[in-house]
PDB file of N, CA and C in Angstrom:
ATOM      1  N   MET A   1    -170.429  23.952  46.685  1.00  0.00           N
ATOM      2  CA  MET A   1    -171.397  24.599  45.807  1.00  0.00           C
ATOM      3  C   MET A   1    -170.704  24.927  44.494  1.00  0.00           C
ATOM      4  N   LEU A   2    -171.229  24.372  43.426  1.00  0.00           N
ATOM      5  CA  LEU A   2    -170.733  24.670  42.082  1.00  0.00           C
ATOM      6  C   LEU A   2    -171.411  25.947  41.594  1.00  0.00           C
ATOM      7  N   ILE A   3    -170.614  26.885  41.125  1.00  0.00           N
ATOM      8  CA  ILE A   3    -171.151  28.138  40.585  1.00  0.00           C
ATOM      9  C   ILE A   3    -170.584  28.306  39.188  1.00  0.00           C
ATOM     10  N   THR A   4    -171.480  28.521  38.222  1.00  0.00           N
ATOM     11  CA  THR A   4    -171.034  28.671  36.837  1.00  0.00           C
ATOM     12  C   THR A   4    -171.882  29.703  36.104  1.00  0.00           C
ATOM     13  N   THR A   5    -171.278  30.326  35.104  1.00  0.00           N
ATOM     14  CA  THR A   5    -172.031  31.251  34.258  1.00  0.00           C
ATOM     15  C   THR A   5    -172.723  30.507  33.124  1.00  0.00           C
ATOM     16  N   CYS A   6    -172.399  29.229  32.959  1.00  0.00           N
ATOM     17  CA  CYS A   6    -173.035  28.413  31.913  1.00  0.00           C
ATOM     18  C   CYS A   6    -174.489  28.129  32.279  1.00  0.00           C
ATOM     19  N   ASP A   7    -175.293  27.816  31.265  1.00  0.00           N
ATOM     20  CA  ASP A   7    -176.695  27.501  31.532  1.00  0.00           C
ATOM     21  C   ASP A   7    -176.937  25.996  31.685  1.00  0.00           C
ATOM     22  N   VAL A   8    -175.882  25.217  31.626  1.00  0.00           N
ATOM     23  CA  VAL A   8    -175.959  23.762  31.840  1.00  0.00           C
ATOM     24  C   VAL A   8    -174.719  23.327  32.615  1.00  0.00           C
ATOM     25  N   ILE A   9    -174.805  22.138  33.181  1.00  0.00           N
ATOM     26  CA  ILE A   9    -173.633  21.492  33.759  1.00  0.00           C
ATOM     27  C   ILE A   9    -173.382  20.283  32.863  1.00  0.00           C
ATOM     28  N   PRO A  10    -172.337  20.316  32.062  1.00  0.00           N
ATOM     29  CA  PRO A  10    -172.102  19.255  31.087  1.00  0.00           C
ATOM     30  C   PRO A  10    -172.169  17.857  31.715  1.00  0.00           C
ATOM     31  N   GLY A  11    -172.972  16.992  31.085  1.00  0.00           N
ATOM     32  CA  GLY A  11    -173.091  15.617  31.531  1.00  0.00           C
ATOM     33  C   GLY A  11    -173.996  15.406  32.732  1.00  0.00           C
ATOM     34  N   LYS A  12    -174.647  16.454  33.204  1.00  0.00           N
ATOM     35  CA  LYS A  12    -175.512  16.341  34.385  1.00  0.00           C
ATOM     36  C   LYS A  12    -176.928  16.781  34.051  1.00  0.00           C
ATOM     37  N   GLN A  13    -177.885  16.106  34.659  1.00  0.00           N
ATOM     38  CA  GLN A  13    -179.268  16.570  34.593  1.00  0.00           C
ATOM     39  C   GLN A  13    -179.485  17.471  35.793  1.00  0.00           C
ATOM     40  N   VAL A  14    -180.168  18.581  35.574  1.00  0.00           N
ATOM     41  CA  VAL A  14    -180.400  19.512  36.674  1.00  0.00           C
ATOM     42  C   VAL A  14    -181.890  19.715  36.901  1.00  0.00           C
ATOM     43  N   GLU A  15    -182.216  19.926  38.165  1.00  0.00           N
ATOM     44  CA  GLU A  15    -183.580  20.272  38.555  1.00  0.00           C
ATOM     45  C   GLU A  15    -183.559  21.728  39.003  1.00  0.00           C
ATOM     46  N   PRO A  16    -184.173  22.628  38.242  1.00  0.00           N
ATOM     47  CA  PRO A  16    -184.175  24.041  38.637  1.00  0.00           C
ATOM     48  C   PRO A  16    -185.000  24.239  39.912  1.00  0.00           C
ATOM     49  N   LEU A  17    -184.459  25.014  40.834  1.00  0.00           N
ATOM     50  CA  LEU A  17    -185.155  25.285  42.098  1.00  0.00           C
ATOM     51  C   LEU A  17    -185.650  26.714  42.194  1.00  0.00           C
ATOM     52  N   GLY A  18    -185.084  27.600  41.396  1.00  0.00           N
ATOM     53  CA  GLY A  18    -185.537  28.988  41.407  1.00  0.00           C
ATOM     54  C   GLY A  18    -184.410  29.994  41.368  1.00  0.00           C
ATOM     55  N   LEU A  19    -184.794  31.234  41.237  1.00  0.00           N
ATOM     56  CA  LEU A  19    -183.854  32.354  41.184  1.00  0.00           C
ATOM     57  C   LEU A  19    -183.295  32.616  42.573  1.00  0.00           C
ATOM     58  N   VAL A  20    -181.987  32.848  42.636  1.00  0.00           N
ATOM     59  CA  VAL A  20    -181.353  33.249  43.889  1.00  0.00           C
ATOM     60  C   VAL A  20    -180.547  34.517  43.638  1.00  0.00           C
ATOM     61  N   SER A  21    -180.423  35.322  44.670  1.00  0.00           N
ATOM     62  CA  SER A  21    -179.656  36.553  44.522  1.00  0.00           C
ATOM     63  C   SER A  21    -179.079  36.964  45.862  1.00  0.00           C
ATOM     64  N   GLY A  22    -178.087  37.802  45.781  1.00  0.00           N
ATOM     65  CA  GLY A  22    -177.499  38.412  46.966  1.00  0.00           C
ATOM     66  C   GLY A  22    -177.037  39.795  46.572  1.00  0.00           C
ATOM     67  N   ASN A  23    -177.193  40.745  47.465  1.00  0.00           N
ATOM     68  CA  ASN A  23    -176.718  42.091  47.146  1.00  0.00           C
ATOM     69  C   ASN A  23    -176.185  42.772  48.390  1.00  0.00           C
ATOM     70  N   VAL A  24    -175.413  43.820  48.159  1.00  0.00           N
ATOM     71  CA  VAL A  24    -174.853  44.613  49.239  1.00  0.00           C
ATOM     72  C   VAL A  24    -174.566  46.010  48.691  1.00  0.00           C
ATOM     73  N   VAL A  25    -174.730  47.003  49.545  1.00  0.00           N
ATOM     74  CA  VAL A  25    -174.331  48.371  49.214  1.00  0.00           C
ATOM     75  C   VAL A  25    -173.177  48.715  50.147  1.00  0.00           C
ATOM     76  N   THR A  26    -172.047  49.096  49.580  1.00  0.00           N
ATOM     77  CA  THR A  26    -170.874  49.407  50.385  1.00  0.00           C
ATOM     78  C   THR A  26    -170.377  50.821  50.082  1.00  0.00           C
ATOM     79  N   SER A  27    -169.568  51.331  51.005  1.00  0.00           N
ATOM     80  CA  SER A  27    -168.947  52.642  50.803  1.00  0.00           C
ATOM     81  C   SER A  27    -167.604  52.657  51.506  1.00  0.00           C
ATOM     82  N   LYS A  28    -166.805  53.632  51.174  1.00  0.00           N
ATOM     83  CA  LYS A  28    -165.532  53.856  51.844  1.00  0.00           C
ATOM     84  C   LYS A  28    -165.655  55.129  52.676  1.00  0.00           C
ATOM     85  N   HIS A  29    -164.838  55.245  53.698  1.00  0.00           N
ATOM     86  CA  HIS A  29    -164.939  56.424  54.556  1.00  0.00           C
ATOM     87  C   HIS A  29    -164.433  57.677  53.848  1.00  0.00           C
ATOM     88  N   MET A  30    -164.804  58.812  54.395  1.00  0.00           N
ATOM     89  CA  MET A  30    -164.571  60.087  53.727  1.00  0.00           C
ATOM     90  C   MET A  30    -163.102  60.362  53.428  1.00  0.00           C
ATOM     91  N   GLY A  31    -162.213  59.963  54.312  1.00  0.00           N
ATOM     92  CA  GLY A  31    -160.785  60.191  54.079  1.00  0.00           C
ATOM     93  C   GLY A  31    -160.323  59.517  52.804  1.00  0.00           C
ATOM     94  N   ARG A  32    -160.783  58.306  52.586  1.00  0.00           N
ATOM     95  CA  ARG A  32    -160.413  57.597  51.355  1.00  0.00           C
ATOM     96  C   ARG A  32    -161.086  58.226  50.137  1.00  0.00           C
ATOM     97  N   ASP A  33    -162.303  58.741  50.309  1.00  0.00           N
ATOM     98  CA  ASP A  33    -162.970  59.423  49.200  1.00  0.00           C
ATOM     99  C   ASP A  33    -162.178  60.657  48.770  1.00  0.00           C
ATOM    100  N   ILE A  34    -161.649  61.386  49.727  1.00  0.00           N
ATOM    101  CA  ILE A  34    -160.856  62.580  49.409  1.00  0.00           C
ATOM    102  C   ILE A  34    -159.590  62.177  48.655  1.00  0.00           C
ATOM    103  N   MET A  35    -158.910  61.138  49.139  1.00  0.00           N
ATOM    104  CA  MET A  35    -157.695  60.670  48.473  1.00  0.00           C
ATOM    105  C   MET A  35    -158.027  60.139  47.070  1.00  0.00           C
ATOM    106  N   ALA A  36    -159.163  59.465  46.920  1.00  0.00           N
ATOM    107  CA  ALA A  36    -159.574  58.962  45.606  1.00  0.00           C
ATOM    108  C   ALA A  36    -159.828  60.128  44.661  1.00  0.00           C
ATOM    109  N   GLY A  37    -160.377  61.226  45.178  1.00  0.00           N
ATOM    110  CA  GLY A  37    -160.608  62.413  44.356  1.00  0.00           C
ATOM    111  C   GLY A  37    -159.310  62.975  43.808  1.00  0.00           C
ATOM    112  N   PHE A  38    -158.280  62.997  44.647  1.00  0.00           N
ATOM    113  CA  PHE A  38    -156.963  63.457  44.175  1.00  0.00           C
ATOM    114  C   PHE A  38    -156.414  62.510  43.115  1.00  0.00           C
ATOM    115  N   LYS A  39    -156.564  61.214  43.341  1.00  0.00           N
ATOM    116  CA  LYS A  39    -156.064  60.210  42.389  1.00  0.00           C
ATOM    117  C   LYS A  39    -156.801  60.362  41.058  1.00  0.00           C
ATOM    118  N   ASN A  40    -158.077  60.685  41.113  1.00  0.00           N
ATOM    119  CA  ASN A  40    -158.882  60.854  39.913  1.00  0.00           C
ATOM    120  C   ASN A  40    -158.334  61.989  39.038  1.00  0.00           C
ATOM    121  N   MET A  41    -157.764  63.010  39.668  1.00  0.00           N
ATOM    122  CA  MET A  41    -157.219  64.144  38.910  1.00  0.00           C
ATOM    123  C   MET A  41    -155.962  63.765  38.138  1.00  0.00           C
ATOM    124  N   VAL A  42    -155.156  62.855  38.679  1.00  0.00           N
ATOM    125  CA  VAL A  42    -153.892  62.508  38.025  1.00  0.00           C
ATOM    126  C   VAL A  42    -153.969  61.194  37.251  1.00  0.00           C
ATOM    127  N   GLY A  43    -155.021  60.422  37.475  1.00  0.00           N
ATOM    128  CA  GLY A  43    -155.196  59.161  36.750  1.00  0.00           C
ATOM    129  C   GLY A  43    -154.604  57.978  37.490  1.00  0.00           C
ATOM    130  N   GLY A  44    -154.961  56.804  37.022  1.00  0.00           N
ATOM    131  CA  GLY A  44    -154.464  55.576  37.626  1.00  0.00           C
ATOM    132  C   GLY A  44    -155.543  54.858  38.414  1.00  0.00           C
ATOM    133  N   GLU A  45    -155.186  53.673  38.891  1.00  0.00           N
ATOM    134  CA  GLU A  45    -156.134  52.854  39.647  1.00  0.00           C
ATOM    135  C   GLU A  45    -156.409  53.477  41.004  1.00  0.00           C
ATOM    136  N   ILE A  46    -157.656  53.452  41.398  1.00  0.00           N
ATOM    137  CA  ILE A  46    -158.056  53.902  42.725  1.00  0.00           C
ATOM    138  C   ILE A  46    -158.245  52.635  43.554  1.00  0.00           C
ATOM    139  N   LYS A  47    -157.176  52.226  44.220  1.00  0.00           N
ATOM    140  CA  LYS A  47    -157.125  50.933  44.902  1.00  0.00           C
ATOM    141  C   LYS A  47    -158.242  50.759  45.922  1.00  0.00           C
ATOM    142  N   SER A  48    -158.588  51.804  46.663  1.00  0.00           N
ATOM    143  CA  SER A  48    -159.635  51.661  47.682  1.00  0.00           C
ATOM    144  C   SER A  48    -160.978  51.307  47.050  1.00  0.00           C
ATOM    145  N   TYR A  49    -161.243  51.837  45.847  1.00  0.00           N
ATOM    146  CA  TYR A  49    -162.498  51.503  45.168  1.00  0.00           C
ATOM    147  C   TYR A  49    -162.440  50.110  44.543  1.00  0.00           C
ATOM    148  N   THR A  50    -161.273  49.704  44.054  1.00  0.00           N
ATOM    149  CA  THR A  50    -161.109  48.336  43.558  1.00  0.00           C
ATOM    150  C   THR A  50    -161.362  47.354  44.694  1.00  0.00           C
ATOM    151  N   ASP A  51    -160.788  47.639  45.863  1.00  0.00           N
ATOM    152  CA  ASP A  51    -161.002  46.781  47.031  1.00  0.00           C
ATOM    153  C   ASP A  51    -162.479  46.747  47.432  1.00  0.00           C
ATOM    154  N   MET A  52    -163.133  47.916  47.369  1.00  0.00           N
ATOM    155  CA  MET A  52    -164.546  47.994  47.718  1.00  0.00           C
ATOM    156  C   MET A  52    -165.388  47.137  46.774  1.00  0.00           C
ATOM    157  N   MET A  53    -165.085  47.174  45.488  1.00  0.00           N
ATOM    158  CA  MET A  53    -165.825  46.369  44.512  1.00  0.00           C
ATOM    159  C   MET A  53    -165.600  44.878  44.749  1.00  0.00           C
ATOM    160  N   ASN A  54    -164.356  44.482  44.998  1.00  0.00           N
ATOM    161  CA  ASN A  54    -164.050  43.067  45.250  1.00  0.00           C
ATOM    162  C   ASN A  54    -164.731  42.571  46.518  1.00  0.00           C
ATOM    163  N   GLU A  55    -164.715  43.388  47.556  1.00  0.00           N
ATOM    164  CA  GLU A  55    -165.373  43.028  48.811  1.00  0.00           C
ATOM    165  C   GLU A  55    -166.885  42.899  48.606  1.00  0.00           C
ATOM    166  N   GLY A  56    -167.466  43.848  47.897  1.00  0.00           N
ATOM    167  CA  GLY A  56    -168.909  43.805  47.630  1.00  0.00           C
ATOM    168  C   GLY A  56    -169.304  42.587  46.827  1.00  0.00           C
ATOM    169  N   ARG A  57    -168.503  42.240  45.808  1.00  0.00           N
ATOM    170  CA  ARG A  57    -168.793  41.071  44.989  1.00  0.00           C
ATOM    171  C   ARG A  57    -168.756  39.794  45.832  1.00  0.00           C
ATOM    172  N   SER A  58    -167.779  39.699  46.712  1.00  0.00           N
ATOM    173  CA  SER A  58    -167.647  38.528  47.577  1.00  0.00           C
ATOM    174  C   SER A  58    -168.835  38.395  48.532  1.00  0.00           C
ATOM    175  N   ILE A  59    -169.238  39.492  49.147  1.00  0.00           N
ATOM    176  CA  ILE A  59    -170.382  39.469  50.066  1.00  0.00           C
ATOM    177  C   ILE A  59    -171.658  39.097  49.325  1.00  0.00           C
ATOM    178  N   ALA A  60    -171.893  39.712  48.167  1.00  0.00           N
ATOM    179  CA  ALA A  60    -173.102  39.422  47.383  1.00  0.00           C
ATOM    180  C   ALA A  60    -173.124  37.951  46.966  1.00  0.00           C
ATOM    181  N   GLU A  61    -171.984  37.428  46.549  1.00  0.00           N
ATOM    182  CA  GLU A  61    -171.918  36.027  46.136  1.00  0.00           C
ATOM    183  C   GLU A  61    -172.200  35.097  47.317  1.00  0.00           C
ATOM    184  N   GLN A  62    -171.646  35.388  48.476  1.00  0.00           N
ATOM    185  CA  GLN A  62    -171.885  34.550  49.654  1.00  0.00           C
ATOM    186  C   GLN A  62    -173.357  34.566  50.058  1.00  0.00           C
ATOM    187  N   ARG A  63    -174.015  35.700  49.921  1.00  0.00           N
ATOM    188  CA  ARG A  63    -175.448  35.786  50.238  1.00  0.00           C
ATOM    189  C   ARG A  63    -176.277  34.986  49.225  1.00  0.00           C
ATOM    190  N   MET A  64    -175.868  35.022  47.961  1.00  0.00           N
ATOM    191  CA  MET A  64    -176.545  34.239  46.937  1.00  0.00           C
ATOM    192  C   MET A  64    -176.381  32.746  47.241  1.00  0.00           C
ATOM    193  N   ILE A  65    -175.182  32.330  47.594  1.00  0.00           N
ATOM    194  CA  ILE A  65    -174.912  30.924  47.911  1.00  0.00           C
ATOM    195  C   ILE A  65    -175.744  30.473  49.109  1.00  0.00           C
ATOM    196  N   ALA A  66    -175.816  31.297  50.136  1.00  0.00           N
ATOM    197  CA  ALA A  66    -176.603  30.956  51.330  1.00  0.00           C
ATOM    198  C   ALA A  66    -178.070  30.748  50.974  1.00  0.00           C
ATOM    199  N   GLN A  67    -178.599  31.585  50.092  1.00  0.00           N
ATOM    200  CA  GLN A  67    -179.989  31.454  49.672  1.00  0.00           C
ATOM    201  C   GLN A  67    -180.185  30.150  48.901  1.00  0.00           C
ATOM    202  N   ALA A  68    -179.235  29.812  48.035  1.00  0.00           N
ATOM    203  CA  ALA A  68    -179.322  28.570  47.257  1.00  0.00           C
ATOM    204  C   ALA A  68    -179.231  27.349  48.173  1.00  0.00           C
ATOM    205  N   GLN A  69    -178.341  27.376  49.146  1.00  0.00           N
ATOM    206  CA  GLN A  69    -178.213  26.256  50.077  1.00  0.00           C
ATOM    207  C   GLN A  69    -179.493  26.061  50.876  1.00  0.00           C
ATOM    208  N   ALA A  70    -180.141  27.149  51.261  1.00  0.00           N
ATOM    209  CA  ALA A  70    -181.403  27.065  52.005  1.00  0.00           C
ATOM    210  C   ALA A  70    -182.498  26.408  51.168  1.00  0.00           C
ATOM    211  N   MET A  71    -182.376  26.473  49.842  1.00  0.00           N
ATOM    212  CA  MET A  71    -183.345  25.846  48.942  1.00  0.00           C
ATOM    213  C   MET A  71    -182.987  24.387  48.648  1.00  0.00           C
ATOM    214  N   GLY A  72    -181.834  23.933  49.132  1.00  0.00           N
ATOM    215  CA  GLY A  72    -181.398  22.567  48.871  1.00  0.00           C
ATOM    216  C   GLY A  72    -180.594  22.407  47.599  1.00  0.00           C
ATOM    217  N   ALA A  73    -180.093  23.495  47.053  1.00  0.00           N
ATOM    218  CA  ALA A  73    -179.321  23.455  45.805  1.00  0.00           C
ATOM    219  C   ALA A  73    -177.888  22.998  46.071  1.00  0.00           C
ATOM    220  N   ASN A  74    -177.292  22.393  45.043  1.00  0.00           N
ATOM    221  CA  ASN A  74    -175.871  22.074  45.121  1.00  0.00           C
ATOM    222  C   ASN A  74    -175.095  22.775  44.002  1.00  0.00           C
ATOM    223  N   ALA A  75    -175.798  23.634  43.249  1.00  0.00           N
ATOM    224  CA  ALA A  75    -175.144  24.416  42.198  1.00  0.00           C
ATOM    225  C   ALA A  75    -175.983  25.656  41.876  1.00  0.00           C
ATOM    226  N   ILE A  76    -175.301  26.641  41.298  1.00  0.00           N
ATOM    227  CA  ILE A  76    -175.976  27.829  40.769  1.00  0.00           C
ATOM    228  C   ILE A  76    -175.484  27.997  39.345  1.00  0.00           C
ATOM    229  N   ILE A  77    -176.417  27.991  38.405  1.00  0.00           N
ATOM    230  CA  ILE A  77    -176.064  28.166  36.996  1.00  0.00           C
ATOM    231  C   ILE A  77    -176.526  29.551  36.530  1.00  0.00           C
ATOM    232  N   CYS A  78    -176.045  29.935  35.367  1.00  0.00           N
ATOM    233  CA  CYS A  78    -176.405  31.244  34.782  1.00  0.00           C
ATOM    234  C   CYS A  78    -176.074  32.392  35.739  1.00  0.00           C
ATOM    235  N   THR A  79    -174.983  32.283  36.453  1.00  0.00           N
ATOM    236  CA  THR A  79    -174.607  33.304  37.426  1.00  0.00           C
ATOM    237  C   THR A  79    -174.182  34.589  36.722  1.00  0.00           C
ATOM    238  N   ARG A  80    -174.657  35.704  37.236  1.00  0.00           N
ATOM    239  CA  ARG A  80    -174.320  37.018  36.700  1.00  0.00           C
ATOM    240  C   ARG A  80    -174.038  37.970  37.850  1.00  0.00           C
ATOM    241  N   TYR A  81    -173.294  39.018  37.553  1.00  0.00           N
ATOM    242  CA  TYR A  81    -172.987  40.062  38.525  1.00  0.00           C
ATOM    243  C   TYR A  81    -173.331  41.405  37.897  1.00  0.00           C
ATOM    244  N   ALA A  82    -173.831  42.301  38.720  1.00  0.00           N
ATOM    245  CA  ALA A  82    -174.141  43.652  38.245  1.00  0.00           C
ATOM    246  C   ALA A  82    -173.781  44.632  39.353  1.00  0.00           C
ATOM    247  N   SER A  83    -173.414  45.832  38.950  1.00  0.00           N
ATOM    248  CA  SER A  83    -173.112  46.853  39.950  1.00  0.00           C
ATOM    249  C   SER A  83    -173.717  48.177  39.511  1.00  0.00           C
ATOM    250  N   ALA A  84    -173.954  49.008  40.496  1.00  0.00           N
ATOM    251  CA  ALA A  84    -174.510  50.332  40.225  1.00  0.00           C
ATOM    252  C   ALA A  84    -174.067  51.269  41.333  1.00  0.00           C
ATOM    253  N   SER A  85    -173.982  52.534  41.002  1.00  0.00           N
ATOM    254  CA  SER A  85    -173.675  53.551  41.998  1.00  0.00           C
ATOM    255  C   SER A  85    -174.982  54.001  42.624  1.00  0.00           C
ATOM    256  N   VAL A  86    -175.055  53.969  43.935  1.00  0.00           N
ATOM    257  CA  VAL A  86    -176.260  54.394  44.640  1.00  0.00           C
ATOM    258  C   VAL A  86    -176.185  55.900  44.915  1.00  0.00           C
ATOM    259  N   MET A  87    -175.021  56.341  45.340  1.00  0.00           N
ATOM    260  CA  MET A  87    -174.722  57.759  45.533  1.00  0.00           C
ATOM    261  C   MET A  87    -173.206  57.887  45.503  1.00  0.00           C
ATOM    262  N   GLU A  88    -172.691  59.086  45.458  1.00  0.00           N
ATOM    263  CA  GLU A  88    -171.251  59.269  45.342  1.00  0.00           C
ATOM    264  C   GLU A  88    -170.510  58.523  46.456  1.00  0.00           C
ATOM    265  N   GLY A  89    -169.523  57.729  46.062  1.00  0.00           N
ATOM    266  CA  GLY A  89    -168.721  56.998  47.031  1.00  0.00           C
ATOM    267  C   GLY A  89    -169.305  55.678  47.477  1.00  0.00           C
ATOM    268  N   THR A  90    -170.434  55.280  46.903  1.00  0.00           N
ATOM    269  CA  THR A  90    -171.038  53.991  47.261  1.00  0.00           C
ATOM    270  C   THR A  90    -171.269  53.177  46.001  1.00  0.00           C
ATOM    271  N   GLN A  91    -171.445  51.877  46.211  1.00  0.00           N
ATOM    272  CA  GLN A  91    -171.791  51.014  45.090  1.00  0.00           C
ATOM    273  C   GLN A  91    -172.649  49.869  45.590  1.00  0.00           C
ATOM    274  N   GLU A  92    -173.557  49.439  44.738  1.00  0.00           N
ATOM    275  CA  GLU A  92    -174.334  48.240  45.018  1.00  0.00           C
ATOM    276  C   GLU A  92    -173.792  47.139  44.125  1.00  0.00           C
ATOM    277  N   MET A  93    -173.590  45.979  44.713  1.00  0.00           N
ATOM    278  CA  MET A  93    -173.173  44.805  43.950  1.00  0.00           C
ATOM    279  C   MET A  93    -174.284  43.771  44.080  1.00  0.00           C
ATOM    280  N   LEU A  94    -174.671  43.200  42.957  1.00  0.00           N
ATOM    281  CA  LEU A  94    -175.720  42.194  42.908  1.00  0.00           C
ATOM    282  C   LEU A  94    -175.165  40.950  42.241  1.00  0.00           C
ATOM    283  N   ALA A  95    -175.395  39.801  42.857  1.00  0.00           N
ATOM    284  CA  ALA A  95    -175.053  38.509  42.268  1.00  0.00           C
ATOM    285  C   ALA A  95    -176.367  37.735  42.149  1.00  0.00           C
ATOM    286  N   TYR A  96    -176.601  37.109  40.991  1.00  0.00           N
ATOM    287  CA  TYR A  96    -177.846  36.360  40.827  1.00  0.00           C
ATOM    288  C   TYR A  96    -177.636  35.202  39.868  1.00  0.00           C
ATOM    289  N   GLY A  97    -178.507  34.214  39.980  1.00  0.00           N
ATOM    290  CA  GLY A  97    -178.433  33.047  39.129  1.00  0.00           C
ATOM    291  C   GLY A  97    -179.592  32.112  39.412  1.00  0.00           C
ATOM    292  N   THR A  98    -179.521  30.918  38.832  1.00  0.00           N
ATOM    293  CA  THR A  98    -180.560  29.910  39.010  1.00  0.00           C
ATOM    294  C   THR A  98    -180.033  28.799  39.904  1.00  0.00           C
ATOM    295  N   ALA A  99    -180.679  28.588  41.024  1.00  0.00           N
ATOM    296  CA  ALA A  99    -180.313  27.501  41.927  1.00  0.00           C
ATOM    297  C   ALA A  99    -180.817  26.192  41.329  1.00  0.00           C
ATOM    298  N   VAL A 100    -179.955  25.183  41.323  1.00  0.00           N
ATOM    299  CA  VAL A 100    -180.328  23.863  40.786  1.00  0.00           C
ATOM    300  C   VAL A 100    -179.787  22.766  41.688  1.00  0.00           C
ATOM    301  N   ARG A 101    -180.399  21.606  41.530  1.00  0.00           N
ATOM    302  CA  ARG A 101    -179.896  20.389  42.152  1.00  0.00           C
ATOM    303  C   ARG A 101    -179.505  19.485  40.997  1.00  0.00           C
ATOM    304  N   TYR A 102    -178.267  19.020  40.983  1.00  0.00           N
ATOM    305  CA  TYR A 102    -177.844  18.112  39.920  1.00  0.00           C
ATOM    306  C   TYR A 102    -177.505  16.753  40.495  1.00  0.00           C
ATOM    307  N   LEU A 103    -177.620  15.737  39.638  1.00  0.00           N
ATOM    308  CA  LEU A 103    -177.348  14.355  40.067  1.00  0.00           C
ATOM    309  C   LEU A 103    -176.011  13.895  39.553  1.00  0.00           C
TER     310      LEU A 103
END
């Protein structure tokens, strides 16, 4: 599966199949939230939250790919990612794009 943020695949004709998306809401357990709170006071990277964001992005992307494959796509163009906080200690990650079939 080709995934690109571009709106074209150079040298290829594409047949748009529709919008695809994948999302996930993740959180870390309370012990890590407490440690992250301490880290927030002194500054620096909060590794557990970085890991949570990377994991969420991967899951959302895999769900988007699965949806595109079910439509018969072999590529996703115009791919974008968005995140939002749902409540303290959680985040939603959304991956979306246009499923296409290229020749």
